[in-house]
N, C-alpha and C. Protein backbone atom coordinates (compact mmCIF):
# COMPACT_ATOMS: atom_id res chain seq x y z
N MET A 1 -13.46 -7.03 -26.06
CA MET A 1 -13.98 -7.56 -24.77
C MET A 1 -14.03 -9.05 -24.61
N GLU A 2 -13.82 -9.40 -23.47
CA GLU A 2 -13.70 -11.01 -23.21
C GLU A 2 -15.12 -11.64 -22.97
N LYS A 3 -15.37 -12.58 -23.74
CA LYS A 3 -16.69 -13.31 -23.69
C LYS A 3 -17.07 -13.66 -22.31
N ASP A 4 -16.29 -14.22 -21.63
CA ASP A 4 -16.69 -14.72 -20.21
C ASP A 4 -16.26 -13.79 -19.14
N CYS A 5 -15.90 -12.63 -19.35
CA CYS A 5 -15.56 -11.60 -18.38
C CYS A 5 -16.86 -11.05 -17.69
N LEU A 6 -16.85 -11.04 -16.36
CA LEU A 6 -18.04 -10.60 -15.67
C LEU A 6 -18.25 -9.14 -15.89
N PHE A 7 -17.02 -8.26 -15.95
CA PHE A 7 -17.14 -6.90 -16.10
C PHE A 7 -17.52 -6.45 -17.47
N CYS A 8 -17.01 -7.21 -18.48
CA CYS A 8 -17.36 -7.02 -19.89
C CYS A 8 -18.81 -7.22 -20.16
N ASN A 9 -19.31 -8.19 -19.35
CA ASN A 9 -20.94 -8.44 -19.69
C ASN A 9 -21.56 -7.28 -19.06
N ILE A 10 -21.06 -6.71 -17.84
CA ILE A 10 -21.75 -5.69 -17.24
C ILE A 10 -21.63 -4.43 -18.09
N VAL A 11 -20.44 -4.30 -18.64
CA VAL A 11 -20.34 -3.05 -19.51
C VAL A 11 -21.26 -3.01 -20.73
N LYS A 12 -21.31 -4.27 -21.37
CA LYS A 12 -22.24 -4.43 -22.49
C LYS A 12 -23.74 -4.47 -22.10
N GLY A 13 -24.16 -4.40 -20.90
CA GLY A 13 -25.51 -4.20 -20.52
C GLY A 13 -26.16 -5.52 -20.47
N ASN A 14 -25.49 -6.91 -20.22
CA ASN A 14 -26.07 -8.16 -20.29
C ASN A 14 -26.30 -8.53 -18.80
N THR A 15 -26.36 -7.52 -17.90
CA THR A 15 -26.83 -7.73 -16.52
C THR A 15 -27.68 -6.67 -16.14
N ASP A 16 -28.32 -6.63 -14.91
CA ASP A 16 -29.30 -5.69 -14.54
C ASP A 16 -28.54 -4.68 -13.71
N THR A 17 -27.11 -4.53 -13.87
CA THR A 17 -26.39 -3.61 -13.06
C THR A 17 -26.81 -2.18 -13.35
N GLU A 18 -27.05 -1.26 -12.35
CA GLU A 18 -27.31 0.13 -12.54
C GLU A 18 -26.11 0.90 -12.48
N PHE A 19 -25.84 1.53 -13.54
CA PHE A 19 -24.74 2.47 -13.64
C PHE A 19 -24.88 3.72 -13.02
N LEU A 20 -24.03 4.16 -12.06
CA LEU A 20 -24.19 5.38 -11.45
C LEU A 20 -23.76 6.51 -12.23
N LEU A 21 -22.68 6.13 -13.18
CA LEU A 21 -21.94 7.06 -14.28
C LEU A 21 -21.58 6.29 -15.39
N GLU A 22 -22.02 6.74 -16.49
CA GLU A 22 -21.17 6.14 -17.73
C GLU A 22 -20.84 7.17 -18.62
N THR A 23 -19.30 6.98 -18.97
CA THR A 23 -18.88 7.88 -20.06
C THR A 23 -18.56 7.15 -21.26
N GLU A 24 -17.87 7.73 -22.23
CA GLU A 24 -17.47 7.02 -23.45
C GLU A 24 -16.49 5.69 -22.94
N ASP A 25 -15.65 5.98 -22.01
CA ASP A 25 -14.63 4.92 -21.64
C ASP A 25 -14.83 4.25 -20.41
N VAL A 26 -15.61 4.65 -19.45
CA VAL A 26 -15.78 4.01 -18.05
C VAL A 26 -17.15 3.87 -17.61
N VAL A 27 -17.42 2.86 -16.64
CA VAL A 27 -18.71 2.88 -16.10
C VAL A 27 -18.39 2.80 -14.56
N VAL A 28 -19.50 3.21 -13.91
CA VAL A 28 -19.38 3.25 -12.35
C VAL A 28 -20.62 2.41 -11.77
N PHE A 29 -20.55 1.56 -10.78
CA PHE A 29 -21.55 0.95 -10.23
C PHE A 29 -21.24 0.50 -8.88
N LYS A 30 -22.18 0.10 -7.98
CA LYS A 30 -21.84 -0.30 -6.61
C LYS A 30 -21.45 -1.74 -6.62
N ASP A 31 -20.58 -1.85 -5.64
CA ASP A 31 -20.04 -3.17 -5.39
C ASP A 31 -20.91 -4.07 -4.74
N ILE A 32 -21.04 -5.18 -5.18
CA ILE A 32 -22.12 -6.11 -4.60
C ILE A 32 -21.82 -6.67 -3.26
N HIS A 33 -20.42 -6.69 -2.81
CA HIS A 33 -20.02 -6.99 -1.57
C HIS A 33 -19.35 -5.83 -1.07
N PRO A 34 -19.93 -4.84 -0.53
CA PRO A 34 -19.43 -3.53 0.01
C PRO A 34 -18.61 -3.80 1.30
N HIS A 35 -17.49 -3.17 1.27
CA HIS A 35 -16.74 -3.17 2.56
C HIS A 35 -16.58 -1.75 3.24
N ALA A 36 -17.54 -0.75 2.77
CA ALA A 36 -17.73 0.47 3.41
C ALA A 36 -19.09 0.98 2.93
N PRO A 37 -19.63 1.99 3.80
CA PRO A 37 -20.88 2.50 3.32
C PRO A 37 -21.01 2.96 1.89
N VAL A 38 -19.98 3.67 1.34
CA VAL A 38 -19.94 3.84 -0.18
C VAL A 38 -18.74 3.02 -0.62
N HIS A 39 -18.98 2.13 -1.67
CA HIS A 39 -18.13 1.15 -2.16
C HIS A 39 -18.58 0.95 -3.62
N LEU A 40 -17.76 1.70 -4.47
CA LEU A 40 -18.26 1.66 -5.88
C LEU A 40 -17.06 1.21 -6.67
N LEU A 41 -17.39 0.67 -7.91
CA LEU A 41 -16.36 0.13 -8.88
C LEU A 41 -16.37 0.91 -10.03
N ILE A 42 -15.06 1.42 -10.45
CA ILE A 42 -14.85 2.20 -11.72
C ILE A 42 -14.23 1.33 -12.71
N VAL A 43 -14.85 1.13 -13.71
CA VAL A 43 -14.45 0.08 -14.77
C VAL A 43 -14.35 0.67 -16.09
N PRO A 44 -13.13 0.32 -16.66
CA PRO A 44 -12.94 0.85 -18.14
C PRO A 44 -13.79 -0.09 -19.02
N LYS A 45 -14.42 0.51 -20.04
CA LYS A 45 -15.28 -0.39 -20.82
C LYS A 45 -14.42 -1.34 -21.63
N ARG A 46 -13.09 -0.90 -22.18
CA ARG A 46 -12.29 -1.86 -22.85
C ARG A 46 -11.65 -2.71 -21.83
N HIS A 47 -11.55 -3.98 -22.29
CA HIS A 47 -11.07 -5.03 -21.38
C HIS A 47 -9.51 -4.82 -21.18
N ILE A 48 -9.15 -4.62 -20.07
CA ILE A 48 -7.61 -4.67 -19.62
C ILE A 48 -7.56 -5.64 -18.48
N ARG A 49 -6.82 -6.64 -18.50
CA ARG A 49 -6.83 -7.71 -17.72
C ARG A 49 -6.43 -7.34 -16.15
N SER A 50 -5.37 -6.47 -16.12
CA SER A 50 -4.78 -6.09 -14.78
C SER A 50 -3.99 -4.94 -14.80
N VAL A 51 -3.63 -4.23 -13.90
CA VAL A 51 -2.53 -3.30 -13.98
C VAL A 51 -1.34 -3.79 -14.45
N ASN A 52 -1.05 -4.99 -14.34
CA ASN A 52 0.42 -5.57 -14.89
C ASN A 52 0.17 -5.46 -16.49
N ASP A 53 -1.05 -5.39 -17.01
CA ASP A 53 -1.26 -5.48 -18.51
C ASP A 53 -1.28 -4.13 -19.07
N LEU A 54 -1.17 -3.00 -18.26
CA LEU A 54 -1.14 -1.62 -18.67
C LEU A 54 0.00 -1.32 -19.69
N THR A 55 -0.37 -0.60 -20.72
CA THR A 55 0.73 -0.20 -21.58
C THR A 55 0.87 1.37 -21.57
N ASP A 56 1.84 1.91 -22.22
CA ASP A 56 2.04 3.39 -22.35
C ASP A 56 0.78 3.96 -22.81
N GLU A 57 0.04 3.28 -23.84
CA GLU A 57 -1.12 3.73 -24.58
C GLU A 57 -2.21 3.92 -23.50
N ASP A 58 -2.11 3.28 -22.40
CA ASP A 58 -3.33 3.31 -21.36
C ASP A 58 -3.38 4.41 -20.35
N ARG A 59 -2.13 5.33 -20.48
CA ARG A 59 -2.24 6.36 -19.73
C ARG A 59 -3.46 7.29 -19.37
N ALA A 60 -4.21 7.50 -20.48
CA ALA A 60 -5.31 8.25 -20.59
C ALA A 60 -6.54 7.66 -19.63
N ILE A 61 -6.42 6.29 -19.84
CA ILE A 61 -7.64 5.59 -19.17
C ILE A 61 -7.37 5.50 -17.64
N VAL A 62 -6.10 5.33 -17.19
CA VAL A 62 -5.88 5.46 -15.83
C VAL A 62 -6.09 6.89 -15.25
N ALA A 63 -5.81 7.78 -16.07
CA ALA A 63 -6.08 9.08 -15.69
C ALA A 63 -7.72 9.35 -15.23
N GLU A 64 -8.44 8.87 -16.38
CA GLU A 64 -9.83 8.88 -16.35
C GLU A 64 -10.41 8.20 -15.17
N LEU A 65 -9.74 7.00 -14.92
CA LEU A 65 -10.29 6.25 -13.61
C LEU A 65 -10.04 7.12 -12.52
N LEU A 66 -8.85 7.66 -12.20
CA LEU A 66 -8.64 8.50 -11.07
C LEU A 66 -9.53 9.79 -11.02
N MET A 67 -9.68 10.46 -12.07
CA MET A 67 -10.65 11.66 -12.22
C MET A 67 -11.96 11.25 -11.92
N THR A 68 -12.47 10.16 -12.32
CA THR A 68 -13.91 9.59 -12.18
C THR A 68 -14.00 9.25 -10.78
N GLY A 69 -13.07 8.69 -10.01
CA GLY A 69 -12.98 8.47 -8.72
C GLY A 69 -13.15 9.60 -7.85
N LYS A 70 -12.56 10.79 -8.13
CA LYS A 70 -12.55 11.96 -7.52
C LYS A 70 -13.99 12.59 -7.60
N GLU A 71 -14.47 12.64 -8.71
CA GLU A 71 -15.98 13.10 -9.09
C GLU A 71 -16.93 12.23 -8.43
N MET A 72 -16.76 10.92 -8.35
CA MET A 72 -17.68 9.94 -7.60
C MET A 72 -17.56 10.32 -6.07
N ALA A 73 -16.43 10.48 -5.56
CA ALA A 73 -16.44 10.63 -4.21
C ALA A 73 -17.24 12.09 -3.78
N ARG A 74 -17.05 13.06 -4.60
CA ARG A 74 -17.86 14.24 -4.34
C ARG A 74 -19.46 14.00 -4.44
N ARG A 75 -19.63 13.40 -5.62
CA ARG A 75 -21.09 12.95 -5.62
C ARG A 75 -21.71 12.14 -4.46
N GLN A 76 -20.95 11.33 -4.07
CA GLN A 76 -21.42 10.41 -2.85
C GLN A 76 -21.18 11.05 -1.66
N HIS A 77 -20.64 12.33 -1.47
CA HIS A 77 -20.53 12.95 -0.22
C HIS A 77 -19.44 12.41 0.67
N VAL A 78 -18.40 11.76 0.07
CA VAL A 78 -17.38 11.44 0.92
C VAL A 78 -15.87 12.03 0.75
N ALA A 79 -15.85 13.02 -0.15
CA ALA A 79 -14.74 13.76 -0.49
C ALA A 79 -14.13 14.58 0.58
N GLU A 80 -14.97 15.24 1.35
CA GLU A 80 -14.53 16.06 2.43
C GLU A 80 -13.81 15.32 3.65
N ASP A 81 -14.57 14.21 3.97
CA ASP A 81 -14.08 13.25 5.07
C ASP A 81 -13.04 12.35 4.63
N GLY A 82 -12.84 12.05 3.34
CA GLY A 82 -11.82 11.17 2.91
C GLY A 82 -12.44 9.91 2.50
N TYR A 83 -11.69 9.33 1.50
CA TYR A 83 -11.95 8.04 0.90
C TYR A 83 -10.80 7.31 0.40
N LYS A 84 -11.03 6.10 -0.01
CA LYS A 84 -9.91 5.23 -0.66
C LYS A 84 -10.03 5.04 -2.11
N LEU A 85 -8.96 4.97 -2.86
CA LEU A 85 -9.17 4.51 -4.42
C LEU A 85 -8.15 3.55 -4.37
N LEU A 86 -8.61 2.30 -4.77
CA LEU A 86 -7.81 1.08 -4.57
C LEU A 86 -7.75 0.14 -5.93
N PHE A 87 -6.76 -0.31 -6.26
CA PHE A 87 -6.50 -1.28 -7.23
C PHE A 87 -5.95 -2.62 -6.61
N ASN A 88 -6.70 -3.66 -6.84
CA ASN A 88 -6.09 -5.07 -6.50
C ASN A 88 -5.63 -5.45 -7.69
N VAL A 89 -4.10 -6.12 -7.52
CA VAL A 89 -3.41 -6.32 -8.75
C VAL A 89 -3.01 -7.99 -8.57
N GLU A 90 -3.54 -8.78 -9.37
CA GLU A 90 -3.41 -10.16 -9.52
C GLU A 90 -4.06 -10.90 -8.27
N TYR A 91 -3.99 -12.21 -8.38
CA TYR A 91 -4.76 -12.95 -7.31
C TYR A 91 -4.17 -12.79 -5.99
N GLY A 92 -2.72 -12.62 -5.79
CA GLY A 92 -2.12 -12.48 -4.64
C GLY A 92 -2.25 -11.13 -3.98
N GLY A 93 -2.75 -10.15 -4.82
CA GLY A 93 -3.21 -8.83 -4.41
C GLY A 93 -4.63 -8.54 -4.09
N GLY A 94 -5.36 -9.59 -4.19
CA GLY A 94 -6.87 -9.53 -3.89
C GLY A 94 -7.66 -9.33 -5.20
N GLN A 95 -7.07 -9.26 -6.32
CA GLN A 95 -7.90 -9.27 -7.60
C GLN A 95 -8.74 -10.63 -7.85
N ARG A 96 -10.04 -10.51 -8.05
CA ARG A 96 -10.89 -11.71 -8.18
C ARG A 96 -11.40 -11.64 -9.66
N VAL A 97 -11.64 -10.53 -10.09
CA VAL A 97 -12.29 -10.26 -11.50
C VAL A 97 -11.13 -9.69 -12.20
N PHE A 98 -10.75 -10.45 -13.24
CA PHE A 98 -9.63 -10.03 -13.96
C PHE A 98 -9.92 -9.18 -15.24
N HIS A 99 -10.42 -7.96 -14.85
CA HIS A 99 -10.78 -6.82 -15.77
C HIS A 99 -10.49 -5.76 -14.94
N LEU A 100 -9.48 -4.88 -15.37
CA LEU A 100 -8.97 -3.81 -14.67
C LEU A 100 -10.39 -2.89 -14.02
N HIS A 101 -10.26 -2.70 -12.65
CA HIS A 101 -11.05 -1.80 -12.04
C HIS A 101 -10.47 -1.11 -10.77
N MET A 102 -11.14 -0.14 -10.49
CA MET A 102 -10.74 0.63 -9.26
C MET A 102 -11.85 0.76 -8.20
N HIS A 103 -11.63 0.42 -6.99
CA HIS A 103 -12.29 0.67 -5.86
C HIS A 103 -12.38 2.00 -5.37
N LEU A 104 -13.59 2.57 -5.10
CA LEU A 104 -13.86 3.82 -4.32
C LEU A 104 -14.73 3.43 -3.22
N MET A 105 -13.91 3.76 -1.87
CA MET A 105 -14.47 3.44 -0.64
C MET A 105 -14.56 4.43 0.30
N GLY A 106 -15.62 4.90 0.95
CA GLY A 106 -15.66 5.85 1.73
C GLY A 106 -16.82 5.82 2.89
N GLY A 107 -16.99 6.77 3.69
CA GLY A 107 -18.03 6.81 4.66
C GLY A 107 -17.80 5.92 5.85
N LYS A 108 -16.68 5.50 5.88
CA LYS A 108 -16.30 4.66 7.15
C LYS A 108 -15.13 5.13 7.98
N LYS A 109 -15.13 4.87 9.29
CA LYS A 109 -14.02 5.30 10.06
C LYS A 109 -13.06 4.15 10.17
N TRP A 110 -12.01 4.23 9.42
CA TRP A 110 -10.92 3.24 9.29
C TRP A 110 -10.20 3.02 10.51
């Protein structure tokens, strides 16, 4: 884990962030600047800087992020109407926290 990484500090429990789900490998919490009625962040516990830093060994964590997104969409009652799963990659792609994370957004008419 990176000492100054916001998401590493959240994962370690150094903030008052409430987890909606925690597994051995990921945590889920609400985005503090939501862009939809349901806007969650799904974050691996292990620090991976960006999608560009993924390796072949990270395939399982990517699958877990996606499957967790699917499950959280069901739990948040947006699965039937539809939702977005989104990775922002690097600064030019909108990434502002450099710890891999996936957004789940739903409940909005796009």
